[in-house]
């Protein structure tokens, strides 16, 4: 989070869950006699092996967060920075805990990362932020070569199919990166609404607000990738969410997987079939 940084509010952030300790202790990554767990399909499991990786365990990070309130000026476009910071902090806690589980298993990375939110009926202003994925480790002599430049396990929301193609192209994930912005979109006055009745025209105030919010989210995601020493970002998506704040407060969330180039000695051998052209002779 290069633009917003870690939260200064450490209430509860020093607590780390211990409930997963028993499960992880009997998982293949921590115990050679244990079993691996994963959210991979059968096809993904087979393809992961062809890529020179093995699954270690299904890893989870979670944070239940109370989302506060910030009032924007009724007629102004503006970022609600208190809410932006809250959304960063909650996701950071979930991602950090998931990554800690992966590193506990000795993983080189986590693939298929999903970051989602869950609401509960017992907490109107409470959201659970959940990060999940499958911890993986490279087999053979290349073990450790695929870790991020800072030596930590990489994270990626790419499917195993895309992960395989990325390795074949001589690149590797560095980190799952994100940028967020909670933005208040200005209301229209009754006079403005009346002037536009029956007219075809651009809603300039709304356009400007949406542009600025989306650009803030994208620029923060890009800054995270630069901080992680990546060379690029693949699979970028920009989501729009309203959550619990009302219709004029909206979150713009940009996510993607930051990547870097591998040395030639770690490049995946090109074993995938080449496309061919077949001409039918039937008349």
C-alpha atoms as a PDB file:
ATOM      1  CA  UNK A   1       0.000   0.000   0.000  1.00  0.00           C
ATOM      2  CA  UNK A   2       2.500   2.632  -1.055  1.00  0.00           C
ATOM      3  CA  UNK A   3       0.158   5.598  -1.075  1.00  0.00           C
ATOM      4  CA  UNK A   4      -1.771   4.907   2.092  1.00  0.00           C
ATOM      5  CA  UNK A   5       0.746   2.859   4.049  1.00  0.00           C
ATOM      6  CA  UNK A   6       0.071   0.667   7.050  1.00  0.00           C
ATOM      7  CA  UNK A   7      -2.668   1.720   9.376  1.00  0.00           C
ATOM      8  CA  UNK A   8      -1.678   3.825  12.341  1.00  0.00           C
ATOM      9  CA  UNK A   9      -4.612   2.262  14.205  1.00  0.00           C
ATOM     10  CA  UNK A  10      -3.208  -0.997  15.567  1.00  0.00           C
ATOM     11  CA  UNK A  11      -6.281  -1.967  17.525  1.00  0.00           C
ATOM     12  CA  UNK A  12      -6.522  -5.723  16.966  1.00  0.00           C
ATOM     13  CA  UNK A  13      -3.947  -5.740  14.165  1.00  0.00           C
ATOM     14  CA  UNK A  14      -1.261  -7.350  16.348  1.00  0.00           C
ATOM     15  CA  UNK A  15      -3.450 -10.401  16.919  1.00  0.00           C
ATOM     16  CA  UNK A  16      -2.717 -13.373  14.689  1.00  0.00           C
ATOM     17  CA  UNK A  17      -5.049 -16.392  14.456  1.00  0.00           C
ATOM     18  CA  UNK A  18      -3.829 -19.660  15.959  1.00  0.00           C
ATOM     19  CA  UNK A  19      -6.822 -21.801  15.002  1.00  0.00           C
ATOM     20  CA  UNK A  20      -5.165 -22.958  11.771  1.00  0.00           C
ATOM     21  CA  UNK A  21      -2.084 -24.285  13.558  1.00  0.00           C
ATOM     22  CA  UNK A  22      -3.461 -27.812  14.002  1.00  0.00           C
ATOM     23  CA  UNK A  23      -4.640 -28.060  10.409  1.00  0.00           C
ATOM     24  CA  UNK A  24      -1.373 -26.771   8.966  1.00  0.00           C
ATOM     25  CA  UNK A  25       0.708 -29.071  11.185  1.00  0.00           C
ATOM     26  CA  UNK A  26      -0.856 -32.075   9.451  1.00  0.00           C
ATOM     27  CA  UNK A  27      -0.628 -30.599   5.948  1.00  0.00           C
ATOM     28  CA  UNK A  28       1.909 -31.908   3.435  1.00  0.00           C
ATOM     29  CA  UNK A  29       3.969 -28.711   3.428  1.00  0.00           C
ATOM     30  CA  UNK A  30       4.655 -28.977   7.178  1.00  0.00           C
ATOM     31  CA  UNK A  31       4.535 -32.768   7.538  1.00  0.00           C
ATOM     32  CA  UNK A  32       5.946 -35.043   4.773  1.00  0.00           C
ATOM     33  CA  UNK A  33       3.481 -37.721   5.897  1.00  0.00           C
ATOM     34  CA  UNK A  34       0.562 -35.308   5.772  1.00  0.00           C
ATOM     35  CA  UNK A  35      -1.900 -34.733   2.952  1.00  0.00           C
ATOM     36  CA  UNK A  36      -2.071 -31.694   0.737  1.00  0.00           C
ATOM     37  CA  UNK A  37      -5.258 -29.656   0.392  1.00  0.00           C
ATOM     38  CA  UNK A  38      -6.139 -27.332  -2.459  1.00  0.00           C
ATOM     39  CA  UNK A  39      -8.945 -25.613  -4.319  1.00  0.00           C
ATOM     40  CA  UNK A  40      -7.500 -26.848  -7.631  1.00  0.00           C
ATOM     41  CA  UNK A  41      -9.542 -28.782 -10.148  1.00  0.00           C
ATOM     42  CA  UNK A  42      -8.195 -32.142 -11.349  1.00  0.00           C
ATOM     43  CA  UNK A  43      -6.990 -30.523 -14.582  1.00  0.00           C
ATOM     44  CA  UNK A  44      -5.224 -27.756 -12.660  1.00  0.00           C
ATOM     45  CA  UNK A  45      -3.575 -30.266 -10.345  1.00  0.00           C
ATOM     46  CA  UNK A  46      -2.158 -32.234 -13.279  1.00  0.00           C
ATOM     47  CA  UNK A  47      -1.029 -29.084 -15.090  1.00  0.00           C
ATOM     48  CA  UNK A  48       0.659 -27.757 -11.943  1.00  0.00           C
ATOM     49  CA  UNK A  49       2.794 -30.900 -11.876  1.00  0.00           C
ATOM     50  CA  UNK A  50       3.736 -30.407 -15.528  1.00  0.00           C
ATOM     51  CA  UNK A  51       4.861 -26.890 -14.628  1.00  0.00           C
ATOM     52  CA  UNK A  52       7.275 -28.326 -12.058  1.00  0.00           C
ATOM     53  CA  UNK A  53       5.280 -27.392  -8.946  1.00  0.00           C
ATOM     54  CA  UNK A  54       3.490 -29.359  -6.265  1.00  0.00           C
ATOM     55  CA  UNK A  55       0.577 -28.202  -4.058  1.00  0.00           C
ATOM     56  CA  UNK A  56       1.267 -27.963  -0.332  1.00  0.00           C
ATOM     57  CA  UNK A  57      -1.966 -26.797   1.218  1.00  0.00           C
ATOM     58  CA  UNK A  58      -5.049 -24.603   1.036  1.00  0.00           C
ATOM     59  CA  UNK A  59      -4.224 -21.341   2.816  1.00  0.00           C
ATOM     60  CA  UNK A  60      -6.631 -18.788   4.266  1.00  0.00           C
ATOM     61  CA  UNK A  61      -6.420 -15.292   5.705  1.00  0.00           C
ATOM     62  CA  UNK A  62      -9.360 -13.471   7.237  1.00  0.00           C
ATOM     63  CA  UNK A  63     -10.215 -10.213   8.957  1.00  0.00           C
ATOM     64  CA  UNK A  64     -13.609  -9.103  10.226  1.00  0.00           C
ATOM     65  CA  UNK A  65     -13.582  -5.346  10.057  1.00  0.00           C
ATOM     66  CA  UNK A  66     -15.958  -2.646  11.230  1.00  0.00           C
ATOM     67  CA  UNK A  67     -16.367  -0.152   8.418  1.00  0.00           C
ATOM     68  CA  UNK A  68     -16.710   3.365   9.778  1.00  0.00           C
ATOM     69  CA  UNK A  69     -18.559   6.383   8.488  1.00  0.00           C
ATOM     70  CA  UNK A  70     -17.329   9.488   6.697  1.00  0.00           C
ATOM     71  CA  UNK A  71     -19.600  12.163   5.322  1.00  0.00           C
ATOM     72  CA  UNK A  72     -18.768  13.794   2.005  1.00  0.00           C
ATOM     73  CA  UNK A  73     -19.871  17.258   0.924  1.00  0.00           C
ATOM     74  CA  UNK A  74     -23.272  16.927  -0.734  1.00  0.00           C
ATOM     75  CA  UNK A  75     -22.415  18.757  -3.943  1.00  0.00           C
ATOM     76  CA  UNK A  76     -18.694  17.832  -4.310  1.00  0.00           C
ATOM     77  CA  UNK A  77     -16.757  14.963  -5.825  1.00  0.00           C
ATOM     78  CA  UNK A  78     -14.183  13.867  -3.253  1.00  0.00           C
ATOM     79  CA  UNK A  79     -12.327  10.832  -1.965  1.00  0.00           C
ATOM     80  CA  UNK A  80     -13.411   9.525   1.430  1.00  0.00           C
ATOM     81  CA  UNK A  81      -9.914   8.805   2.696  1.00  0.00           C
ATOM     82  CA  UNK A  82     -10.951   7.355   6.057  1.00  0.00           C
ATOM     83  CA  UNK A  83     -12.990   4.678   4.282  1.00  0.00           C
ATOM     84  CA  UNK A  84     -10.273   4.087   1.677  1.00  0.00           C
ATOM     85  CA  UNK A  85      -7.791   3.435   4.480  1.00  0.00           C
ATOM     86  CA  UNK A  86     -10.196   1.018   6.176  1.00  0.00           C
ATOM     87  CA  UNK A  87     -10.630  -1.021   2.997  1.00  0.00           C
ATOM     88  CA  UNK A  88      -6.837  -1.152   2.544  1.00  0.00           C
ATOM     89  CA  UNK A  89      -6.208  -2.197   6.142  1.00  0.00           C
ATOM     90  CA  UNK A  90      -8.796  -4.989   6.170  1.00  0.00           C
ATOM     91  CA  UNK A  91      -7.550  -6.529   2.913  1.00  0.00           C
ATOM     92  CA  UNK A  92      -3.929  -6.175   4.026  1.00  0.00           C
ATOM     93  CA  UNK A  93      -4.664  -8.156   7.191  1.00  0.00           C
ATOM     94  CA  UNK A  94      -6.369 -10.945   5.237  1.00  0.00           C
ATOM     95  CA  UNK A  95      -3.623 -11.140   2.599  1.00  0.00           C
ATOM     96  CA  UNK A  96      -0.823 -11.058   5.191  1.00  0.00           C
ATOM     97  CA  UNK A  97      -2.374 -13.902   7.183  1.00  0.00           C
ATOM     98  CA  UNK A  98      -2.860 -16.012   4.059  1.00  0.00           C
ATOM     99  CA  UNK A  99       0.760 -15.407   3.053  1.00  0.00           C
ATOM    100  CA  UNK A 100       1.946 -16.299   6.578  1.00  0.00           C
ATOM    101  CA  UNK A 101       0.205 -19.675   6.285  1.00  0.00           C
ATOM    102  CA  UNK A 102       1.873 -20.294   2.912  1.00  0.00           C
ATOM    103  CA  UNK A 103       5.309 -19.470   4.307  1.00  0.00           C
ATOM    104  CA  UNK A 104       4.644 -21.706   7.313  1.00  0.00           C
ATOM    105  CA  UNK A 105       4.310 -24.549   4.794  1.00  0.00           C
ATOM    106  CA  UNK A 106       7.573 -23.569   3.087  1.00  0.00           C
ATOM    107  CA  UNK A 107       5.821 -22.477  -0.099  1.00  0.00           C
ATOM    108  CA  UNK A 108       7.423 -20.648  -2.995  1.00  0.00           C
ATOM    109  CA  UNK A 109       4.093 -18.990  -3.760  1.00  0.00           C
ATOM    110  CA  UNK A 110       0.312 -19.048  -3.702  1.00  0.00           C
ATOM    111  CA  UNK A 111      -1.749 -19.490  -6.859  1.00  0.00           C
ATOM    112  CA  UNK A 112      -5.436 -18.922  -7.537  1.00  0.00           C
ATOM    113  CA  UNK A 113      -5.724 -16.192  -4.900  1.00  0.00           C
ATOM    114  CA  UNK A 114      -9.267 -14.997  -4.330  1.00  0.00           C
ATOM    115  CA  UNK A 115     -10.011 -11.910  -2.261  1.00  0.00           C
ATOM    116  CA  UNK A 116     -13.649 -11.495  -1.405  1.00  0.00           C
ATOM    117  CA  UNK A 117     -15.974  -9.954   1.156  1.00  0.00           C
ATOM    118  CA  UNK A 118     -18.697 -11.531   3.252  1.00  0.00           C
ATOM    119  CA  UNK A 119     -21.468  -9.731   5.163  1.00  0.00           C
ATOM    120  CA  UNK A 120     -23.159 -11.178   8.231  1.00  0.00           C
ATOM    121  CA  UNK A 121     -26.666 -10.537   9.520  1.00  0.00           C
ATOM    122  CA  UNK A 122     -25.353  -9.896  13.037  1.00  0.00           C
ATOM    123  CA  UNK A 123     -23.229  -6.955  11.922  1.00  0.00           C
ATOM    124  CA  UNK A 124     -24.764  -4.327   9.666  1.00  0.00           C
ATOM    125  CA  UNK A 125     -21.546  -2.315   9.382  1.00  0.00           C
ATOM    126  CA  UNK A 126     -19.216  -5.323   9.582  1.00  0.00           C
ATOM    127  CA  UNK A 127     -17.558  -7.066   6.645  1.00  0.00           C
ATOM    128  CA  UNK A 128     -15.297 -10.116   6.605  1.00  0.00           C
ATOM    129  CA  UNK A 129     -12.396  -9.893   4.171  1.00  0.00           C
ATOM    130  CA  UNK A 130     -11.221 -13.361   3.112  1.00  0.00           C
ATOM    131  CA  UNK A 131      -8.114 -14.256   1.108  1.00  0.00           C
ATOM    132  CA  UNK A 132      -7.726 -17.863  -0.076  1.00  0.00           C
ATOM    133  CA  UNK A 133      -5.427 -19.782  -2.410  1.00  0.00           C
ATOM    134  CA  UNK A 134      -3.263 -22.877  -2.821  1.00  0.00           C
ATOM    135  CA  UNK A 135       0.313 -22.770  -1.542  1.00  0.00           C
ATOM    136  CA  UNK A 136       2.733 -24.352  -4.027  1.00  0.00           C
ATOM    137  CA  UNK A 137       6.415 -25.232  -4.135  1.00  0.00           C
ATOM    138  CA  UNK A 138       8.763 -25.770  -7.078  1.00  0.00           C
ATOM    139  CA  UNK A 139      10.225 -29.248  -7.319  1.00  0.00           C
ATOM    140  CA  UNK A 140      13.813 -30.098  -8.170  1.00  0.00           C
ATOM    141  CA  UNK A 141      16.756 -27.724  -8.307  1.00  0.00           C
ATOM    142  CA  UNK A 142      14.650 -24.653  -9.125  1.00  0.00           C
ATOM    143  CA  UNK A 143      13.074 -24.550  -5.654  1.00  0.00           C
ATOM    144  CA  UNK A 144      13.276 -20.996  -4.289  1.00  0.00           C
ATOM    145  CA  UNK A 145      14.068 -19.379  -7.638  1.00  0.00           C
ATOM    146  CA  UNK A 146      10.455 -18.332  -8.152  1.00  0.00           C
ATOM    147  CA  UNK A 147      10.082 -16.367  -4.933  1.00  0.00           C
ATOM    148  CA  UNK A 148       9.545 -12.608  -4.998  1.00  0.00           C
ATOM    149  CA  UNK A 149      12.599 -10.301  -5.078  1.00  0.00           C
ATOM    150  CA  UNK A 150      12.244  -9.713  -1.314  1.00  0.00           C
ATOM    151  CA  UNK A 151      12.583 -13.460  -0.695  1.00  0.00           C
ATOM    152  CA  UNK A 152       8.958 -14.000   0.295  1.00  0.00           C
ATOM    153  CA  UNK A 153       6.514 -16.356  -1.373  1.00  0.00           C
ATOM    154  CA  UNK A 154       4.758 -14.851  -4.383  1.00  0.00           C
ATOM    155  CA  UNK A 155       0.985 -14.385  -4.557  1.00  0.00           C
ATOM    156  CA  UNK A 156      -1.086 -14.525  -7.721  1.00  0.00           C
ATOM    157  CA  UNK A 157      -4.736 -14.586  -8.743  1.00  0.00           C
ATOM    158  CA  UNK A 158      -3.868 -16.302 -12.035  1.00  0.00           C
ATOM    159  CA  UNK A 159      -5.416 -19.676 -12.802  1.00  0.00           C
ATOM    160  CA  UNK A 160      -3.014 -22.622 -13.039  1.00  0.00           C
ATOM    161  CA  UNK A 161      -3.482 -22.546 -16.819  1.00  0.00           C
ATOM    162  CA  UNK A 162      -2.332 -18.927 -16.972  1.00  0.00           C
ATOM    163  CA  UNK A 163       0.431 -19.642 -14.444  1.00  0.00           C
ATOM    164  CA  UNK A 164       1.736 -22.422 -16.724  1.00  0.00           C
ATOM    165  CA  UNK A 165       1.725 -20.163 -19.789  1.00  0.00           C
ATOM    166  CA  UNK A 166       3.467 -17.409 -17.816  1.00  0.00           C
ATOM    167  CA  UNK A 167       6.267 -19.792 -16.812  1.00  0.00           C
ATOM    168  CA  UNK A 168       6.549 -20.996 -20.402  1.00  0.00           C
ATOM    169  CA  UNK A 169       7.043 -17.373 -21.475  1.00  0.00           C
ATOM    170  CA  UNK A 170       9.925 -16.978 -19.022  1.00  0.00           C
ATOM    171  CA  UNK A 171       8.123 -14.957 -16.359  1.00  0.00           C
ATOM    172  CA  UNK A 172       6.852 -15.575 -12.828  1.00  0.00           C
ATOM    173  CA  UNK A 173       4.337 -13.851 -10.511  1.00  0.00           C
ATOM    174  CA  UNK A 174       5.654 -11.470  -7.892  1.00  0.00           C
ATOM    175  CA  UNK A 175       2.580 -10.350  -5.976  1.00  0.00           C
ATOM    176  CA  UNK A 176      -1.148  -9.923  -6.108  1.00  0.00           C
ATOM    177  CA  UNK A 177      -1.449  -6.132  -6.175  1.00  0.00           C
ATOM    178  CA  UNK A 178      -4.399  -3.861  -5.607  1.00  0.00           C
ATOM    179  CA  UNK A 179      -5.410  -0.239  -5.454  1.00  0.00           C
ATOM    180  CA  UNK A 180      -8.601   1.088  -3.955  1.00  0.00           C
ATOM    181  CA  UNK A 181     -10.451   4.359  -3.655  1.00  0.00           C
ATOM    182  CA  UNK A 182     -13.707   5.073  -1.846  1.00  0.00           C
ATOM    183  CA  UNK A 183     -15.226   8.098  -3.525  1.00  0.00           C
ATOM    184  CA  UNK A 184     -18.210  10.331  -2.911  1.00  0.00           C
ATOM    185  CA  UNK A 185     -20.000  11.214  -6.154  1.00  0.00           C
ATOM    186  CA  UNK A 186     -21.612  14.648  -5.953  1.00  0.00           C
ATOM    187  CA  UNK A 187     -25.381  14.993  -5.866  1.00  0.00           C
ATOM    188  CA  UNK A 188     -27.187  17.117  -8.408  1.00  0.00           C
ATOM    189  CA  UNK A 189     -29.242  20.057  -7.298  1.00  0.00           C
ATOM    190  CA  UNK A 190     -32.917  20.183  -8.187  1.00  0.00           C
ATOM    191  CA  UNK A 191     -32.160  23.058 -10.609  1.00  0.00           C
ATOM    192  CA  UNK A 192     -29.470  21.007 -12.419  1.00  0.00           C
ATOM    193  CA  UNK A 193     -31.798  18.042 -12.722  1.00  0.00           C
ATOM    194  CA  UNK A 194     -34.559  20.275 -14.073  1.00  0.00           C
ATOM    195  CA  UNK A 195     -32.262  21.797 -16.727  1.00  0.00           C
ATOM    196  CA  UNK A 196     -31.351  18.335 -18.006  1.00  0.00           C
ATOM    197  CA  UNK A 197     -34.906  17.086 -18.280  1.00  0.00           C
ATOM    198  CA  UNK A 198     -35.501  15.796 -21.806  1.00  0.00           C
ATOM    199  CA  UNK A 199     -31.913  16.630 -22.894  1.00  0.00           C
ATOM    200  CA  UNK A 200     -29.224  14.411 -24.393  1.00  0.00           C
ATOM    201  CA  UNK A 201     -26.023  15.580 -22.703  1.00  0.00           C
ATOM    202  CA  UNK A 202     -23.024  14.327 -20.780  1.00  0.00           C
ATOM    203  CA  UNK A 203     -23.217  14.380 -16.987  1.00  0.00           C
ATOM    204  CA  UNK A 204     -19.859  16.109 -16.612  1.00  0.00           C
ATOM    205  CA  UNK A 205     -19.751  16.131 -12.818  1.00  0.00           C
ATOM    206  CA  UNK A 206     -20.398  12.410 -12.662  1.00  0.00           C
ATOM    207  CA  UNK A 207     -17.889  11.679 -15.447  1.00  0.00           C
ATOM    208  CA  UNK A 208     -15.153  13.656 -13.696  1.00  0.00           C
ATOM    209  CA  UNK A 209     -15.803  11.945 -10.364  1.00  0.00           C
ATOM    210  CA  UNK A 210     -15.772   8.439 -11.807  1.00  0.00           C
ATOM    211  CA  UNK A 211     -12.623   9.184 -13.820  1.00  0.00           C
ATOM    212  CA  UNK A 212     -10.731  10.486 -10.803  1.00  0.00           C
ATOM    213  CA  UNK A 213     -11.778   7.602  -8.547  1.00  0.00           C
ATOM    214  CA  UNK A 214     -10.825   4.961 -11.105  1.00  0.00           C
ATOM    215  CA  UNK A 215      -7.479   6.663 -11.827  1.00  0.00           C
ATOM    216  CA  UNK A 216      -6.640   6.777  -8.117  1.00  0.00           C
ATOM    217  CA  UNK A 217      -7.318   3.050  -7.769  1.00  0.00           C
ATOM    218  CA  UNK A 218      -5.270   2.161 -10.864  1.00  0.00           C
ATOM    219  CA  UNK A 219      -2.328   4.396  -9.941  1.00  0.00           C
ATOM    220  CA  UNK A 220      -2.168   2.857  -6.442  1.00  0.00           C
ATOM    221  CA  UNK A 221      -2.191  -0.655  -7.875  1.00  0.00           C
ATOM    222  CA  UNK A 222       0.610   0.335 -10.246  1.00  0.00           C
ATOM    223  CA  UNK A 223       2.603   1.833  -7.356  1.00  0.00           C
ATOM    224  CA  UNK A 224       2.305  -1.437  -5.407  1.00  0.00           C
ATOM    225  CA  UNK A 225       3.760  -3.325  -8.379  1.00  0.00           C
ATOM    226  CA  UNK A 226       6.658  -0.884  -8.633  1.00  0.00           C
ATOM    227  CA  UNK A 227       7.341  -1.247  -4.905  1.00  0.00           C
ATOM    228  CA  UNK A 228       7.408  -5.041  -5.339  1.00  0.00           C
ATOM    229  CA  UNK A 229      10.063  -4.612  -8.098  1.00  0.00           C
ATOM    230  CA  UNK A 230       7.837  -6.093 -10.791  1.00  0.00           C
ATOM    231  CA  UNK A 231       8.183  -5.426 -14.510  1.00  0.00           C
ATOM    232  CA  UNK A 232       4.463  -5.435 -15.294  1.00  0.00           C
ATOM    233  CA  UNK A 233       0.923  -6.373 -14.264  1.00  0.00           C
ATOM    234  CA  UNK A 234      -1.318  -8.924 -15.972  1.00  0.00           C
ATOM    235  CA  UNK A 235      -5.001  -9.707 -15.543  1.00  0.00           C
ATOM    236  CA  UNK A 236      -6.025  -6.224 -14.386  1.00  0.00           C
ATOM    237  CA  UNK A 237      -9.663  -5.798 -13.384  1.00  0.00           C
ATOM    238  CA  UNK A 238     -11.501  -2.797 -11.911  1.00  0.00           C
ATOM    239  CA  UNK A 239     -14.513  -3.552  -9.729  1.00  0.00           C
ATOM    240  CA  UNK A 240     -17.137  -1.108  -8.456  1.00  0.00           C
ATOM    241  CA  UNK A 241     -18.830  -1.721  -5.092  1.00  0.00           C
ATOM    242  CA  UNK A 242     -21.296   0.213  -2.941  1.00  0.00           C
ATOM    243  CA  UNK A 243     -21.124  -1.818   0.286  1.00  0.00           C
ATOM    244  CA  UNK A 244     -22.906  -0.170   3.248  1.00  0.00           C
ATOM    245  CA  UNK A 245     -22.351   3.540   2.692  1.00  0.00           C
ATOM    246  CA  UNK A 246     -25.290   4.570   0.538  1.00  0.00           C
ATOM    247  CA  UNK A 247     -25.732   5.176  -3.142  1.00  0.00           C
ATOM    248  CA  UNK A 248     -23.282   8.075  -3.598  1.00  0.00           C
ATOM    249  CA  UNK A 249     -20.263   6.502  -1.819  1.00  0.00           C
ATOM    250  CA  UNK A 250     -18.600   3.942  -4.078  1.00  0.00           C
ATOM    251  CA  UNK A 251     -15.438   1.852  -3.879  1.00  0.00           C
ATOM    252  CA  UNK A 252     -13.292   1.389  -6.986  1.00  0.00           C
ATOM    253  CA  UNK A 253     -10.984  -1.628  -6.611  1.00  0.00           C
ATOM    254  CA  UNK A 254      -8.221  -2.371  -9.136  1.00  0.00           C
ATOM    255  CA  UNK A 255      -6.470  -5.754  -8.879  1.00  0.00           C
ATOM    256  CA  UNK A 256      -3.958  -7.765 -10.899  1.00  0.00           C
ATOM    257  CA  UNK A 257      -0.864  -9.952 -10.688  1.00  0.00           C
ATOM    258  CA  UNK A 258       2.520  -8.237 -10.828  1.00  0.00           C
ATOM    259  CA  UNK A 259       5.143 -10.281 -12.709  1.00  0.00           C
ATOM    260  CA  UNK A 260       8.895 -10.320 -13.412  1.00  0.00           C
ATOM    261  CA  UNK A 261      11.168 -12.077 -15.900  1.00  0.00           C
ATOM    262  CA  UNK A 262      13.012 -15.269 -14.927  1.00  0.00           C
ATOM    263  CA  UNK A 263      16.515 -16.237 -15.893  1.00  0.00           C
ATOM    264  CA  UNK A 264      16.793 -18.562 -18.897  1.00  0.00           C
ATOM    265  CA  UNK A 265      17.932 -21.413 -16.661  1.00  0.00           C
ATOM    266  CA  UNK A 266      14.536 -21.395 -14.919  1.00  0.00           C
ATOM    267  CA  UNK A 267      12.432 -21.004 -18.042  1.00  0.00           C
ATOM    268  CA  UNK A 268       9.801 -23.709 -18.410  1.00  0.00           C
ATOM    269  CA  UNK A 269      10.480 -26.059 -21.283  1.00  0.00           C
ATOM    270  CA  UNK A 270       8.120 -25.477 -24.184  1.00  0.00           C
ATOM    271  CA  UNK A 271       6.115 -28.691 -24.156  1.00  0.00           C
ATOM    272  CA  UNK A 272       2.718 -27.330 -25.145  1.00  0.00           C
ATOM    273  CA  UNK A 273       1.422 -28.352 -28.565  1.00  0.00           C
ATOM    274  CA  UNK A 274       1.648 -25.887 -31.437  1.00  0.00           C
ATOM    275  CA  UNK A 275      -1.556 -24.884 -33.229  1.00  0.00           C
ATOM    276  CA  UNK A 276      -1.999 -26.625 -36.580  1.00  0.00           C
ATOM    277  CA  UNK A 277      -4.233 -25.968 -39.559  1.00  0.00           C
ATOM    278  CA  UNK A 278      -6.368 -28.830 -40.813  1.00  0.00           C
ATOM    279  CA  UNK A 279      -8.150 -28.607 -44.147  1.00  0.00           C
ATOM    280  CA  UNK A 280     -11.096 -30.916 -44.583  1.00  0.00           C
ATOM    281  CA  UNK A 281     -11.446 -32.731 -47.930  1.00  0.00           C
ATOM    282  CA  UNK A 282     -15.161 -33.420 -47.662  1.00  0.00           C
ATOM    283  CA  UNK A 283     -17.190 -31.940 -50.509  1.00  0.00           C
END
